[in-house]
Amino acid sequence: MEMHPITEPRETALRQMTTEQLLHLGERYVVYLKSGVCDGEMLFVLYGANGAPLMAADDVETALDMAAECGLNFVAVH
């Protein structure tokens, strides 16, 4: 997919995006963290915006460090 800078107002540009473009919007910058149990051990998995698992860690701090190394930031969502 070819990317072009948005030069028009954001609202207009978003309305003109195709479904395929919307599916990939923010894909390289947005991740979420989810905990789970695998083989009896607690793991914290980083998932991409598309739901694909990216990496797993034994604790939250390590997961946050791994994300930071990739240039990703977390925002608390409740």
N, C-alpha and C. Protein backbone atom coordinates (compact mmCIF):
# COMPACT_ATOMS: atom_id res chain seq x y z
N MET A 1 0.85 -1.18 0.00
CA MET A 1 0.00 0.00 0.00
C MET A 1 0.89 1.23 0.00
N GLU A 2 0.61 2.15 -0.85
CA GLU A 2 1.37 3.38 -0.95
C GLU A 2 0.78 4.41 -0.01
N MET A 3 1.64 5.11 0.74
CA MET A 3 1.19 6.12 1.70
C MET A 3 1.54 7.50 1.17
N HIS A 4 0.63 8.44 1.38
CA HIS A 4 0.85 9.83 0.98
C HIS A 4 0.55 10.72 2.17
N PRO A 5 1.30 11.81 2.33
CA PRO A 5 1.02 12.72 3.44
C PRO A 5 -0.37 13.33 3.29
N ILE A 6 -1.00 13.57 4.40
CA ILE A 6 -2.32 14.20 4.39
C ILE A 6 -2.11 15.70 4.32
N THR A 7 -2.58 16.31 3.25
CA THR A 7 -2.41 17.75 3.07
C THR A 7 -3.72 18.51 3.20
N GLU A 8 -4.80 17.80 3.29
CA GLU A 8 -6.09 18.44 3.44
C GLU A 8 -6.58 18.23 4.87
N PRO A 9 -7.64 18.92 5.27
CA PRO A 9 -8.13 18.72 6.64
C PRO A 9 -8.34 17.25 6.96
N ARG A 10 -7.98 16.85 8.16
CA ARG A 10 -8.02 15.44 8.58
C ARG A 10 -9.38 14.82 8.36
N GLU A 11 -10.46 15.51 8.71
CA GLU A 11 -11.80 14.94 8.58
C GLU A 11 -12.11 14.59 7.13
N THR A 12 -11.75 15.49 6.21
CA THR A 12 -12.00 15.24 4.79
C THR A 12 -11.18 14.07 4.30
N ALA A 13 -9.91 14.03 4.69
CA ALA A 13 -9.02 12.95 4.25
C ALA A 13 -9.52 11.61 4.76
N LEU A 14 -9.96 11.54 6.01
CA LEU A 14 -10.46 10.28 6.56
C LEU A 14 -11.72 9.81 5.84
N ARG A 15 -12.60 10.72 5.48
CA ARG A 15 -13.82 10.34 4.77
C ARG A 15 -13.53 9.78 3.39
N GLN A 16 -12.42 10.17 2.80
CA GLN A 16 -12.09 9.74 1.45
C GLN A 16 -11.24 8.47 1.43
N MET A 17 -10.86 7.95 2.60
CA MET A 17 -10.04 6.74 2.65
C MET A 17 -10.88 5.52 2.29
N THR A 18 -10.24 4.57 1.65
CA THR A 18 -10.92 3.32 1.32
C THR A 18 -11.00 2.45 2.57
N THR A 19 -11.82 1.42 2.51
CA THR A 19 -11.92 0.48 3.62
C THR A 19 -10.57 -0.15 3.91
N GLU A 20 -9.84 -0.50 2.87
CA GLU A 20 -8.51 -1.10 3.03
C GLU A 20 -7.55 -0.14 3.73
N GLN A 21 -7.58 1.12 3.37
CA GLN A 21 -6.72 2.11 4.00
C GLN A 21 -7.08 2.28 5.47
N LEU A 22 -8.36 2.30 5.78
CA LEU A 22 -8.80 2.43 7.18
C LEU A 22 -8.34 1.24 8.02
N LEU A 23 -8.36 0.04 7.43
CA LEU A 23 -7.93 -1.14 8.15
C LEU A 23 -6.47 -1.03 8.60
N HIS A 24 -5.67 -0.33 7.83
CA HIS A 24 -4.24 -0.22 8.14
C HIS A 24 -3.87 1.08 8.84
N LEU A 25 -4.84 1.94 9.09
CA LEU A 25 -4.58 3.22 9.73
C LEU A 25 -3.99 3.02 11.12
N GLY A 26 -2.82 3.53 11.35
CA GLY A 26 -2.17 3.43 12.65
C GLY A 26 -1.58 2.08 12.97
N GLU A 27 -1.63 1.17 12.03
CA GLU A 27 -1.21 -0.21 12.28
C GLU A 27 0.22 -0.31 12.80
N ARG A 28 1.09 0.57 12.34
CA ARG A 28 2.48 0.49 12.76
C ARG A 28 2.76 1.25 14.04
N TYR A 29 1.75 1.92 14.61
CA TYR A 29 1.97 2.73 15.79
C TYR A 29 1.09 2.34 16.97
N VAL A 30 0.03 1.62 16.72
CA VAL A 30 -0.93 1.29 17.76
C VAL A 30 -0.79 -0.17 18.16
N VAL A 31 -0.63 -0.40 19.45
CA VAL A 31 -0.58 -1.77 19.99
C VAL A 31 -1.42 -1.80 21.26
N TYR A 32 -1.79 -2.99 21.64
CA TYR A 32 -2.44 -3.13 22.93
C TYR A 32 -1.82 -4.31 23.66
N LEU A 33 -1.90 -4.25 24.97
CA LEU A 33 -1.30 -5.25 25.84
C LEU A 33 -2.40 -6.05 26.51
N LYS A 34 -2.25 -7.36 26.48
CA LYS A 34 -3.24 -8.23 27.09
C LYS A 34 -2.50 -9.32 27.85
N SER A 35 -3.00 -9.64 29.04
CA SER A 35 -2.39 -10.71 29.82
C SER A 35 -3.15 -12.01 29.60
N GLY A 36 -2.45 -13.10 29.81
CA GLY A 36 -3.08 -14.40 29.66
C GLY A 36 -2.18 -15.48 30.25
N VAL A 37 -2.70 -16.67 30.34
CA VAL A 37 -1.95 -17.79 30.88
C VAL A 37 -1.63 -18.77 29.75
N CYS A 38 -0.34 -19.14 29.66
CA CYS A 38 0.11 -20.10 28.67
C CYS A 38 0.98 -21.12 29.37
N ASP A 39 0.61 -22.39 29.28
CA ASP A 39 1.33 -23.47 29.96
C ASP A 39 1.49 -23.19 31.45
N GLY A 40 0.46 -22.63 32.05
CA GLY A 40 0.45 -22.38 33.49
C GLY A 40 1.21 -21.14 33.92
N GLU A 41 1.76 -20.38 32.99
CA GLU A 41 2.51 -19.17 33.31
C GLU A 41 1.81 -17.93 32.78
N MET A 42 1.84 -16.86 33.58
CA MET A 42 1.25 -15.59 33.17
C MET A 42 2.16 -14.93 32.14
N LEU A 43 1.59 -14.53 31.01
CA LEU A 43 2.32 -13.83 29.97
C LEU A 43 1.60 -12.53 29.63
N PHE A 44 2.36 -11.58 29.15
CA PHE A 44 1.81 -10.31 28.68
C PHE A 44 2.17 -10.21 27.21
N VAL A 45 1.15 -10.13 26.37
CA VAL A 45 1.35 -10.16 24.92
C VAL A 45 1.00 -8.80 24.32
N LEU A 46 1.90 -8.30 23.48
CA LEU A 46 1.63 -7.09 22.71
C LEU A 46 0.99 -7.50 21.40
N TYR A 47 -0.17 -6.92 21.10
CA TYR A 47 -0.89 -7.18 19.86
C TYR A 47 -0.88 -5.93 19.01
N GLY A 48 -0.74 -6.09 17.72
CA GLY A 48 -0.84 -4.97 16.80
C GLY A 48 -2.27 -4.51 16.65
N ALA A 49 -2.44 -3.37 16.02
CA ALA A 49 -3.78 -2.81 15.81
C ALA A 49 -4.68 -3.77 15.05
N ASN A 50 -4.07 -4.65 14.25
CA ASN A 50 -4.85 -5.61 13.47
C ASN A 50 -5.15 -6.90 14.24
N GLY A 51 -4.72 -6.96 15.52
CA GLY A 51 -5.00 -8.12 16.36
C GLY A 51 -3.95 -9.21 16.30
N ALA A 52 -2.92 -9.03 15.50
CA ALA A 52 -1.86 -10.03 15.39
C ALA A 52 -0.92 -9.93 16.59
N PRO A 53 -0.60 -11.06 17.23
CA PRO A 53 0.35 -11.01 18.35
C PRO A 53 1.75 -10.64 17.82
N LEU A 54 2.41 -9.71 18.52
CA LEU A 54 3.72 -9.23 18.09
C LEU A 54 4.85 -9.79 18.93
N MET A 55 4.68 -9.78 20.27
CA MET A 55 5.71 -10.28 21.17
C MET A 55 5.10 -10.55 22.53
N ALA A 56 5.76 -11.43 23.28
CA ALA A 56 5.29 -11.79 24.61
C ALA A 56 6.39 -11.55 25.62
N ALA A 57 5.98 -11.24 26.85
CA ALA A 57 6.93 -11.00 27.94
C ALA A 57 6.39 -11.62 29.22
N ASP A 58 7.29 -11.85 30.16
CA ASP A 58 6.91 -12.45 31.44
C ASP A 58 6.29 -11.44 32.40
N ASP A 59 6.56 -10.15 32.20
CA ASP A 59 6.01 -9.13 33.09
C ASP A 59 5.71 -7.85 32.31
N VAL A 60 4.91 -7.00 32.91
CA VAL A 60 4.46 -5.77 32.25
C VAL A 60 5.64 -4.86 31.92
N GLU A 61 6.58 -4.73 32.86
CA GLU A 61 7.72 -3.83 32.65
C GLU A 61 8.51 -4.23 31.40
N THR A 62 8.74 -5.52 31.23
CA THR A 62 9.47 -5.99 30.06
C THR A 62 8.68 -5.70 28.79
N ALA A 63 7.38 -5.91 28.83
CA ALA A 63 6.53 -5.62 27.67
C ALA A 63 6.59 -4.14 27.31
N LEU A 64 6.56 -3.27 28.32
CA LEU A 64 6.64 -1.83 28.07
C LEU A 64 8.00 -1.46 27.49
N ASP A 65 9.06 -2.07 28.01
CA ASP A 65 10.41 -1.82 27.48
C ASP A 65 10.51 -2.26 26.02
N MET A 66 9.96 -3.42 25.72
CA MET A 66 10.00 -3.94 24.35
C MET A 66 9.25 -2.99 23.41
N ALA A 67 8.11 -2.49 23.85
CA ALA A 67 7.33 -1.56 23.04
C ALA A 67 8.10 -0.26 22.83
N ALA A 68 8.72 0.24 23.90
CA ALA A 68 9.48 1.49 23.81
C ALA A 68 10.64 1.34 22.83
N GLU A 69 11.29 0.18 22.81
CA GLU A 69 12.39 -0.06 21.88
C GLU A 69 11.91 0.00 20.43
N CYS A 70 10.64 -0.28 20.23
CA CYS A 70 10.06 -0.22 18.88
C CYS A 70 9.45 1.15 18.57
N GLY A 71 9.60 2.09 19.50
CA GLY A 71 9.07 3.44 19.30
C GLY A 71 7.59 3.56 19.57
N LEU A 72 7.04 2.63 20.35
CA LEU A 72 5.61 2.65 20.66
C LEU A 72 5.39 3.20 22.05
N ASN A 73 4.28 3.88 22.26
CA ASN A 73 3.92 4.43 23.57
C ASN A 73 2.57 3.88 23.98
N PHE A 74 2.37 3.79 25.29
CA PHE A 74 1.11 3.28 25.82
C PHE A 74 0.26 4.41 26.38
N VAL A 75 -1.02 4.26 26.25
CA VAL A 75 -1.99 5.15 26.85
C VAL A 75 -2.97 4.26 27.60
N ALA A 76 -3.24 4.62 28.84
CA ALA A 76 -4.19 3.83 29.63
C ALA A 76 -5.61 4.04 29.10
N VAL A 77 -6.29 2.93 28.88
CA VAL A 77 -7.67 2.96 28.41
C VAL A 77 -8.50 2.18 29.42
N HIS A 78 -9.54 2.81 29.91
CA HIS A 78 -10.38 2.14 30.93
C HIS A 78 -11.76 1.88 30.38
